[in-house]
Amino acid sequence: TINLTLQERSELVYGKKLYITFEGKVMHF
């Protein structure tokens, strides 16, 4: 939660379109 403002948190509601990603160094195969 420290990475988000109160406004950003309030916008995270059902149906919200998001983009996510992750780095190669954290993956398992």
PDB file of all heavy atoms in Angstrom:
ATOM      1  N   THR A   1       0.821  -1.211   0.000  1.00  0.00           N
ATOM      2  CA  THR A   1       0.000   0.000   0.000  1.00  0.00           C
ATOM      3  C   THR A   1       0.856   1.264   0.000  1.00  0.00           C
ATOM      4  O   THR A   1       0.424   2.310  -0.487  1.00  0.00           O
ATOM      5  CB  THR A   1      -0.938   0.015   1.222  1.00  0.00           C
ATOM      6  OG1 THR A   1      -0.164  -0.205   2.422  1.00  0.00           O
ATOM      7  CG2 THR A   1      -1.995  -1.059   1.108  1.00  0.00           C
ATOM      8  N   ILE A   2       2.090   1.168   0.496  1.00  0.00           N
ATOM      9  CA  ILE A   2       2.970   2.334   0.536  1.00  0.00           C
ATOM     10  C   ILE A   2       3.336   2.802  -0.873  1.00  0.00           C
ATOM     11  O   ILE A   2       3.741   3.950  -1.079  1.00  0.00           O
ATOM     12  CB  ILE A   2       4.245   2.020   1.363  1.00  0.00           C
ATOM     13  CG1 ILE A   2       4.953   3.318   1.762  1.00  0.00           C
ATOM     14  CG2 ILE A   2       5.182   1.094   0.594  1.00  0.00           C
ATOM     15  CD1 ILE A   2       6.075   3.123   2.758  1.00  0.00           C
ATOM     16  N   ASN A   3       3.185   1.916  -1.861  1.00  0.00           N
ATOM     17  CA  ASN A   3       3.520   2.271  -3.249  1.00  0.00           C
ATOM     18  C   ASN A   3       2.386   3.001  -3.962  1.00  0.00           C
ATOM     19  O   ASN A   3       2.545   3.417  -5.112  1.00  0.00           O
ATOM     20  CB  ASN A   3       3.873   1.010  -4.046  1.00  0.00           C
ATOM     21  CG  ASN A   3       5.172   0.375  -3.576  1.00  0.00           C
ATOM     22  OD1 ASN A   3       5.904   0.967  -2.787  1.00  0.00           O
ATOM     23  ND2 ASN A   3       5.447  -0.829  -4.048  1.00  0.00           N
ATOM     24  N   LEU A   4       1.241   3.128  -3.300  1.00  0.00           N
ATOM     25  CA  LEU A   4       0.067   3.727  -3.934  1.00  0.00           C
ATOM     26  C   LEU A   4      -0.449   4.914  -3.133  1.00  0.00           C
ATOM     27  O   LEU A   4      -0.405   4.911  -1.897  1.00  0.00           O
ATOM     28  CB  LEU A   4      -1.069   2.689  -4.050  1.00  0.00           C
ATOM     29  CG  LEU A   4      -0.769   1.408  -4.843  1.00  0.00           C
ATOM     30  CD1 LEU A   4      -1.902   0.424  -4.654  1.00  0.00           C
ATOM     31  CD2 LEU A   4      -0.565   1.718  -6.316  1.00  0.00           C
ATOM     32  N   THR A   5      -0.941   5.921  -3.826  1.00  0.00           N
ATOM     33  CA  THR A   5      -1.613   7.029  -3.149  1.00  0.00           C
ATOM     34  C   THR A   5      -3.025   6.584  -2.771  1.00  0.00           C
ATOM     35  O   THR A   5      -3.539   5.571  -3.274  1.00  0.00           O
ATOM     36  CB  THR A   5      -1.699   8.254  -4.070  1.00  0.00           C
ATOM     37  OG1 THR A   5      -2.559   7.944  -5.182  1.00  0.00           O
ATOM     38  CG2 THR A   5      -0.321   8.659  -4.568  1.00  0.00           C
ATOM     39  N   LEU A   6      -3.666   7.337  -1.896  1.00  0.00           N
ATOM     40  CA  LEU A   6      -5.046   7.024  -1.514  1.00  0.00           C
ATOM     41  C   LEU A   6      -5.961   7.059  -2.736  1.00  0.00           C
ATOM     42  O   LEU A   6      -6.880   6.241  -2.861  1.00  0.00           O
ATOM     43  CB  LEU A   6      -5.534   8.011  -0.448  1.00  0.00           C
ATOM     44  CG  LEU A   6      -4.944   7.836   0.957  1.00  0.00           C
ATOM     45  CD1 LEU A   6      -5.400   8.980   1.860  1.00  0.00           C
ATOM     46  CD2 LEU A   6      -5.378   6.495   1.550  1.00  0.00           C
ATOM     47  N   GLN A   7      -5.707   8.004  -3.634  1.00  0.00           N
ATOM     48  CA  GLN A   7      -6.510   8.102  -4.851  1.00  0.00           C
ATOM     49  C   GLN A   7      -6.352   6.849  -5.712  1.00  0.00           C
ATOM     50  O   GLN A   7      -7.330   6.291  -6.214  1.00  0.00           O
ATOM     51  CB  GLN A   7      -6.102   9.350  -5.645  1.00  0.00           C
ATOM     52  CG  GLN A   7      -6.824   9.526  -6.980  1.00  0.00           C
ATOM     53  CD  GLN A   7      -8.321   9.752  -6.811  1.00  0.00           C
ATOM     54  OE1 GLN A   7      -8.771  10.294  -5.797  1.00  0.00           O
ATOM     55  NE2 GLN A   7      -9.106   9.303  -7.783  1.00  0.00           N
ATOM     56  N   GLU A   8      -5.095   6.395  -5.865  1.00  0.00           N
ATOM     57  CA  GLU A   8      -4.839   5.192  -6.667  1.00  0.00           C
ATOM     58  C   GLU A   8      -5.497   3.969  -6.041  1.00  0.00           C
ATOM     59  O   GLU A   8      -6.046   3.107  -6.748  1.00  0.00           O
ATOM     60  CB  GLU A   8      -3.329   4.973  -6.804  1.00  0.00           C
ATOM     61  CG  GLU A   8      -2.653   5.971  -7.737  1.00  0.00           C
ATOM     62  CD  GLU A   8      -1.153   5.873  -7.693  1.00  0.00           C
ATOM     63  OE1 GLU A   8      -0.598   5.509  -6.624  1.00  0.00           O
ATOM     64  OE2 GLU A   8      -0.506   6.163  -8.721  1.00  0.00           O
ATOM     65  N   ARG A   9      -5.468   3.875  -4.725  1.00  0.00           N
ATOM     66  CA  ARG A   9      -6.099   2.736  -4.043  1.00  0.00           C
ATOM     67  C   ARG A   9      -7.605   2.739  -4.266  1.00  0.00           C
ATOM     68  O   ARG A   9      -8.215   1.699  -4.484  1.00  0.00           O
ATOM     69  CB  ARG A   9      -5.811   2.778  -2.540  1.00  0.00           C
ATOM     70  CG  ARG A   9      -4.389   2.415  -2.170  1.00  0.00           C
ATOM     71  CD  ARG A   9      -4.251   2.346  -0.662  1.00  0.00           C
ATOM     72  NE  ARG A   9      -3.103   3.124  -0.196  1.00  0.00           N
ATOM     73  CZ  ARG A   9      -2.874   3.426   1.056  1.00  0.00           C
ATOM     74  NH1 ARG A   9      -3.710   3.037   1.997  1.00  0.00           N
ATOM     75  NH2 ARG A   9      -1.806   4.119   1.397  1.00  0.00           N
ATOM     76  N   SER A  10      -8.198   3.927  -4.208  1.00  0.00           N
ATOM     77  CA  SER A  10      -9.652   4.035  -4.349  1.00  0.00           C
ATOM     78  C   SER A  10     -10.128   3.665  -5.745  1.00  0.00           C
ATOM     79  O   SER A  10     -11.289   3.293  -5.948  1.00  0.00           O
ATOM     80  CB  SER A  10     -10.120   5.456  -3.994  1.00  0.00           C
ATOM     81  OG  SER A  10      -9.657   6.389  -4.970  1.00  0.00           O
ATOM     82  N   GLU A  11      -9.224   3.749  -6.724  1.00  0.00           N
ATOM     83  CA  GLU A  11      -9.585   3.433  -8.113  1.00  0.00           C
ATOM     84  C   GLU A  11      -9.486   1.941  -8.432  1.00  0.00           C
ATOM     85  O   GLU A  11      -9.905   1.496  -9.503  1.00  0.00           O
ATOM     86  CB  GLU A  11      -8.679   4.222  -9.068  1.00  0.00           C
ATOM     87  CG  GLU A  11      -8.919   5.733  -9.003  1.00  0.00           C
ATOM     88  CD  GLU A  11      -7.900   6.510  -9.813  1.00  0.00           C
ATOM     89  OE1 GLU A  11      -6.936   5.874 -10.316  1.00  0.00           O
ATOM     90  OE2 GLU A  11      -8.028   7.746  -9.926  1.00  0.00           O
ATOM     91  N   LEU A  12      -8.934   1.174  -7.499  1.00  0.00           N
ATOM     92  CA  LEU A  12      -8.784  -0.264  -7.731  1.00  0.00           C
ATOM     93  C   LEU A  12     -10.073  -0.989  -7.348  1.00  0.00           C
ATOM     94  O   LEU A  12     -10.212  -1.568  -6.282  1.00  0.00           O
ATOM     95  CB  LEU A  12      -7.589  -0.804  -6.920  1.00  0.00           C
ATOM     96  CG  LEU A  12      -6.215  -0.313  -7.398  1.00  0.00           C
ATOM     97  CD1 LEU A  12      -5.122  -0.729  -6.430  1.00  0.00           C
ATOM     98  CD2 LEU A  12      -5.913  -0.824  -8.812  1.00  0.00           C
ATOM     99  N   VAL A  13     -11.032  -0.934  -8.257  1.00  0.00           N
ATOM    100  CA  VAL A  13     -12.356  -1.501  -8.020  1.00  0.00           C
ATOM    101  C   VAL A  13     -12.672  -2.563  -9.074  1.00  0.00           C
ATOM    102  O   VAL A  13     -11.968  -2.704 -10.080  1.00  0.00           O
ATOM    103  CB  VAL A  13     -13.441  -0.393  -8.052  1.00  0.00           C
ATOM    104  CG1 VAL A  13     -13.223   0.581  -6.909  1.00  0.00           C
ATOM    105  CG2 VAL A  13     -13.424   0.336  -9.397  1.00  0.00           C
ATOM    106  N   TYR A  14     -13.718  -3.313  -8.833  1.00  0.00           N
ATOM    107  CA  TYR A  14     -14.136  -4.381  -9.750  1.00  0.00           C
ATOM    108  C   TYR A  14     -14.266  -3.863 -11.184  1.00  0.00           C
ATOM    109  O   TYR A  14     -14.859  -2.800 -11.427  1.00  0.00           O
ATOM    110  CB  TYR A  14     -15.476  -4.950  -9.288  1.00  0.00           C
ATOM    111  CG  TYR A  14     -16.050  -5.991 -10.222  1.00  0.00           C
ATOM    112  CD1 TYR A  14     -15.595  -7.301 -10.193  1.00  0.00           C
ATOM    113  CD2 TYR A  14     -17.049  -5.651 -11.136  1.00  0.00           C
ATOM    114  CE1 TYR A  14     -16.116  -8.255 -11.050  1.00  0.00           C
ATOM    115  CE2 TYR A  14     -17.581  -6.602 -12.002  1.00  0.00           C
ATOM    116  CZ  TYR A  14     -17.100  -7.895 -11.960  1.00  0.00           C
ATOM    117  OH  TYR A  14     -17.618  -8.831 -12.814  1.00  0.00           O
ATOM    118  N   GLY A  15     -13.679  -4.592 -12.118  1.00  0.00           N
ATOM    119  CA  GLY A  15     -13.773  -4.218 -13.524  1.00  0.00           C
ATOM    120  C   GLY A  15     -12.685  -3.283 -14.004  1.00  0.00           C
ATOM    121  O   GLY A  15     -12.602  -2.983 -15.204  1.00  0.00           O
ATOM    122  N   LYS A  16     -11.831  -2.794 -13.099  1.00  0.00           N
ATOM    123  CA  LYS A  16     -10.751  -1.878 -13.470  1.00  0.00           C
ATOM    124  C   LYS A  16      -9.762  -2.572 -14.416  1.00  0.00           C
ATOM    125  O   LYS A  16      -9.310  -3.688 -14.174  1.00  0.00           O
ATOM    126  CB  LYS A  16     -10.018  -1.415 -12.208  1.00  0.00           C
ATOM    127  CG  LYS A  16      -8.767  -0.588 -12.443  1.00  0.00           C
ATOM    128  CD  LYS A  16      -9.055   0.845 -12.781  1.00  0.00           C
ATOM    129  CE  LYS A  16      -7.794   1.678 -12.827  1.00  0.00           C
ATOM    130  NZ  LYS A  16      -8.036   3.063 -13.229  1.00  0.00           N
ATOM    131  N   LYS A  17      -9.430  -1.916 -15.522  1.00  0.00           N
ATOM    132  CA  LYS A  17      -8.448  -2.445 -16.470  1.00  0.00           C
ATOM    133  C   LYS A  17      -7.046  -2.097 -15.978  1.00  0.00           C
ATOM    134  O   LYS A  17      -6.756  -0.930 -15.678  1.00  0.00           O
ATOM    135  CB  LYS A  17      -8.667  -1.864 -17.861  1.00  0.00           C
ATOM    136  CG  LYS A  17     -10.040  -2.154 -18.459  1.00  0.00           C
ATOM    137  CD  LYS A  17     -10.287  -3.654 -18.623  1.00  0.00           C
ATOM    138  CE  LYS A  17     -11.666  -3.920 -19.219  1.00  0.00           C
ATOM    139  NZ  LYS A  17     -11.945  -5.381 -19.323  1.00  0.00           N
ATOM    140  N   LEU A  18      -6.194  -3.126 -15.887  1.00  0.00           N
ATOM    141  CA  LEU A  18      -4.840  -2.944 -15.380  1.00  0.00           C
ATOM    142  C   LEU A  18      -3.820  -3.570 -16.330  1.00  0.00           C
ATOM    143  O   LEU A  18      -4.171  -4.387 -17.181  1.00  0.00           O
ATOM    144  CB  LEU A  18      -4.696  -3.617 -14.001  1.00  0.00           C
ATOM    145  CG  LEU A  18      -5.591  -3.133 -12.866  1.00  0.00           C
ATOM    146  CD1 LEU A  18      -5.435  -4.062 -11.662  1.00  0.00           C
ATOM    147  CD2 LEU A  18      -5.250  -1.704 -12.465  1.00  0.00           C
ATOM    148  N   TYR A  19      -2.549  -3.198 -16.120  1.00  0.00           N
ATOM    149  CA  TYR A  19      -1.442  -3.868 -16.784  1.00  0.00           C
ATOM    150  C   TYR A  19      -0.461  -4.325 -15.707  1.00  0.00           C
ATOM    151  O   TYR A  19      -0.167  -3.581 -14.762  1.00  0.00           O
ATOM    152  CB  TYR A  19      -0.738  -2.920 -17.765  1.00  0.00           C
ATOM    153  CG  TYR A  19      -1.558  -2.627 -18.999  1.00  0.00           C
ATOM    154  CD1 TYR A  19      -2.465  -1.566 -19.018  1.00  0.00           C
ATOM    155  CD2 TYR A  19      -1.437  -3.426 -20.139  1.00  0.00           C
ATOM    156  CE1 TYR A  19      -3.238  -1.302 -20.135  1.00  0.00           C
ATOM    157  CE2 TYR A  19      -2.201  -3.162 -21.267  1.00  0.00           C
ATOM    158  CZ  TYR A  19      -3.099  -2.114 -21.262  1.00  0.00           C
ATOM    159  OH  TYR A  19      -3.861  -1.871 -22.385  1.00  0.00           O
ATOM    160  N   ILE A  20      -0.012  -5.557 -15.824  1.00  0.00           N
ATOM    161  CA  ILE A  20       0.942  -6.097 -14.860  1.00  0.00           C
ATOM    162  C   ILE A  20       2.153  -6.647 -15.608  1.00  0.00           C
ATOM    163  O   ILE A  20       2.094  -6.915 -16.807  1.00  0.00           O
ATOM    164  CB  ILE A  20       0.310  -7.224 -14.016  1.00  0.00           C
ATOM    165  CG1 ILE A  20      -0.159  -8.377 -14.925  1.00  0.00           C
ATOM    166  CG2 ILE A  20      -0.834  -6.693 -13.162  1.00  0.00           C
ATOM    167  CD1 ILE A  20      -0.644  -9.605 -14.172  1.00  0.00           C
ATOM    168  N   THR A  21       3.260  -6.821 -14.883  1.00  0.00           N
ATOM    169  CA  THR A  21       4.449  -7.432 -15.480  1.00  0.00           C
ATOM    170  C   THR A  21       5.313  -8.011 -14.376  1.00  0.00           C
ATOM    171  O   THR A  21       5.031  -7.836 -13.177  1.00  0.00           O
ATOM    172  CB  THR A  21       5.240  -6.402 -16.308  1.00  0.00           C
ATOM    173  OG1 THR A  21       6.229  -7.100 -17.075  1.00  0.00           O
ATOM    174  CG2 THR A  21       5.914  -5.360 -15.413  1.00  0.00           C
ATOM    175  N   PHE A  22       6.372  -8.702 -14.772  1.00  0.00           N
ATOM    176  CA  PHE A  22       7.335  -9.264 -13.818  1.00  0.00           C
ATOM    177  C   PHE A  22       8.654  -9.458 -14.546  1.00  0.00           C
ATOM    178  O   PHE A  22       8.709  -9.489 -15.777  1.00  0.00           O
ATOM    179  CB  PHE A  22       6.833 -10.589 -13.225  1.00  0.00           C
ATOM    180  CG  PHE A  22       6.176 -11.505 -14.224  1.00  0.00           C
ATOM    181  CD1 PHE A  22       6.920 -12.387 -14.995  1.00  0.00           C
ATOM    182  CD2 PHE A  22       4.796 -11.479 -14.392  1.00  0.00           C
ATOM    183  CE1 PHE A  22       6.317 -13.220 -15.913  1.00  0.00           C
ATOM    184  CE2 PHE A  22       4.179 -12.315 -15.307  1.00  0.00           C
ATOM    185  CZ  PHE A  22       4.942 -13.194 -16.078  1.00  0.00           C
ATOM    186  N   GLU A  23       9.716  -9.572 -13.770  1.00  0.00           N
ATOM    187  CA  GLU A  23      11.058  -9.677 -14.340  1.00  0.00           C
ATOM    188  C   GLU A  23      11.469 -11.135 -14.511  1.00  0.00           C
ATOM    189  O   GLU A  23      10.978 -12.030 -13.814  1.00  0.00           O
ATOM    190  CB  GLU A  23      12.069  -8.961 -13.438  1.00  0.00           C
ATOM    191  CG  GLU A  23      11.804  -7.467 -13.298  1.00  0.00           C
ATOM    192  CD  GLU A  23      12.827  -6.798 -12.405  1.00  0.00           C
ATOM    193  OE1 GLU A  23      13.748  -7.486 -11.916  1.00  0.00           O
ATOM    194  OE2 GLU A  23      12.715  -5.570 -12.193  1.00  0.00           O
ATOM    195  N   GLY A  24      12.406 -11.366 -15.424  1.00  0.00           N
ATOM    196  CA  GLY A  24      12.882 -12.716 -15.680  1.00  0.00           C
ATOM    197  C   GLY A  24      13.540 -13.363 -14.477  1.00  0.00           C
ATOM    198  O   GLY A  24      13.489 -14.581 -14.307  1.00  0.00           O
ATOM    199  N   LYS A  25      14.149 -12.553 -13.624  1.00  0.00           N
ATOM    200  CA  LYS A  25      14.907 -13.118 -12.506  1.00  0.00           C
ATOM    201  C   LYS A  25      14.033 -13.705 -11.408  1.00  0.00           C
ATOM    202  O   LYS A  25      14.540 -14.385 -10.509  1.00  0.00           O
ATOM    203  CB  LYS A  25      15.831 -12.048 -11.909  1.00  0.00           C
ATOM    204  CG  LYS A  25      15.099 -10.887 -11.263  1.00  0.00           C
ATOM    205  CD  LYS A  25      16.088  -9.842 -10.751  1.00  0.00           C
ATOM    206  CE  LYS A  25      15.373  -8.664 -10.100  1.00  0.00           C
ATOM    207  NZ  LYS A  25      16.329  -7.636  -9.645  1.00  0.00           N
ATOM    208  N   VAL A  26      12.707 -13.479 -11.451  1.00  0.00           N
ATOM    209  CA  VAL A  26      11.824 -13.989 -10.403  1.00  0.00           C
ATOM    210  C   VAL A  26      10.992 -15.182 -10.875  1.00  0.00           C
ATOM    211  O   VAL A  26      10.180 -15.703 -10.122  1.00  0.00           O
ATOM    212  CB  VAL A  26      10.873 -12.884  -9.893  1.00  0.00           C
ATOM    213  CG1 VAL A  26      11.655 -11.704  -9.351  1.00  0.00           C
ATOM    214  CG2 VAL A  26       9.893 -12.433 -10.982  1.00  0.00           C
ATOM    215  N   MET A  27      11.214 -15.633 -12.096  1.00  0.00           N
ATOM    216  CA  MET A  27      10.363 -16.675 -12.655  1.00  0.00           C
ATOM    217  C   MET A  27      10.861 -18.082 -12.302  1.00  0.00           C
ATOM    218  O   MET A  27      12.042 -18.295 -12.058  1.00  0.00           O
ATOM    219  CB  MET A  27      10.278 -16.527 -14.177  1.00  0.00           C
ATOM    220  CG  MET A  27       9.610 -15.230 -14.628  1.00  0.00           C
ATOM    221  SD  MET A  27       9.325 -15.152 -16.416  1.00  0.00           S
ATOM    222  CE  MET A  27      10.991 -14.950 -17.033  1.00  0.00           C
ATOM    223  N   HIS A  28       9.920 -19.031 -12.308  1.00  0.00           N
ATOM    224  CA  HIS A  28      10.221 -20.445 -12.105  1.00  0.00           C
ATOM    225  C   HIS A  28       9.654 -21.211 -13.306  1.00  0.00           C
ATOM    226  O   HIS A  28       8.573 -20.879 -13.809  1.00  0.00           O
ATOM    227  CB  HIS A  28       9.594 -20.956 -10.812  1.00  0.00           C
ATOM    228  CG  HIS A  28      10.023 -20.183  -9.599  1.00  0.00           C
ATOM    229  ND1 HIS A  28      11.071 -20.575  -8.792  1.00  0.00           N
ATOM    230  CD2 HIS A  28       9.538 -19.039  -9.052  1.00  0.00           C
ATOM    231  CE1 HIS A  28      11.225 -19.710  -7.817  1.00  0.00           C
ATOM    232  NE2 HIS A  28      10.308 -18.758  -7.940  1.00  0.00           N
ATOM    233  N   PHE A  29      10.362 -22.255 -13.720  1.00  0.00           N
ATOM    234  CA  PHE A  29      10.006 -22.952 -14.960  1.00  0.00           C
ATOM    235  C   PHE A  29       9.802 -24.442 -14.684  1.00  0.00           C
ATOM    236  O   PHE A  29      10.712 -25.111 -14.190  1.00  0.00           O
ATOM    237  CB  PHE A  29      11.112 -22.754 -15.993  1.00  0.00           C
ATOM    238  CG  PHE A  29      11.574 -21.329 -16.109  1.00  0.00           C
ATOM    239  CD1 PHE A  29      12.625 -20.872 -15.314  1.00  0.00           C
ATOM    240  CD2 PHE A  29      10.963 -20.445 -16.969  1.00  0.00           C
ATOM    241  CE1 PHE A  29      13.048 -19.550 -15.398  1.00  0.00           C
ATOM    242  CE2 PHE A  29      11.380 -19.127 -17.067  1.00  0.00           C
ATOM    243  CZ  PHE A  29      12.421 -18.673 -16.275  1.00  0.00           C
TER     244      PHE A  29
END
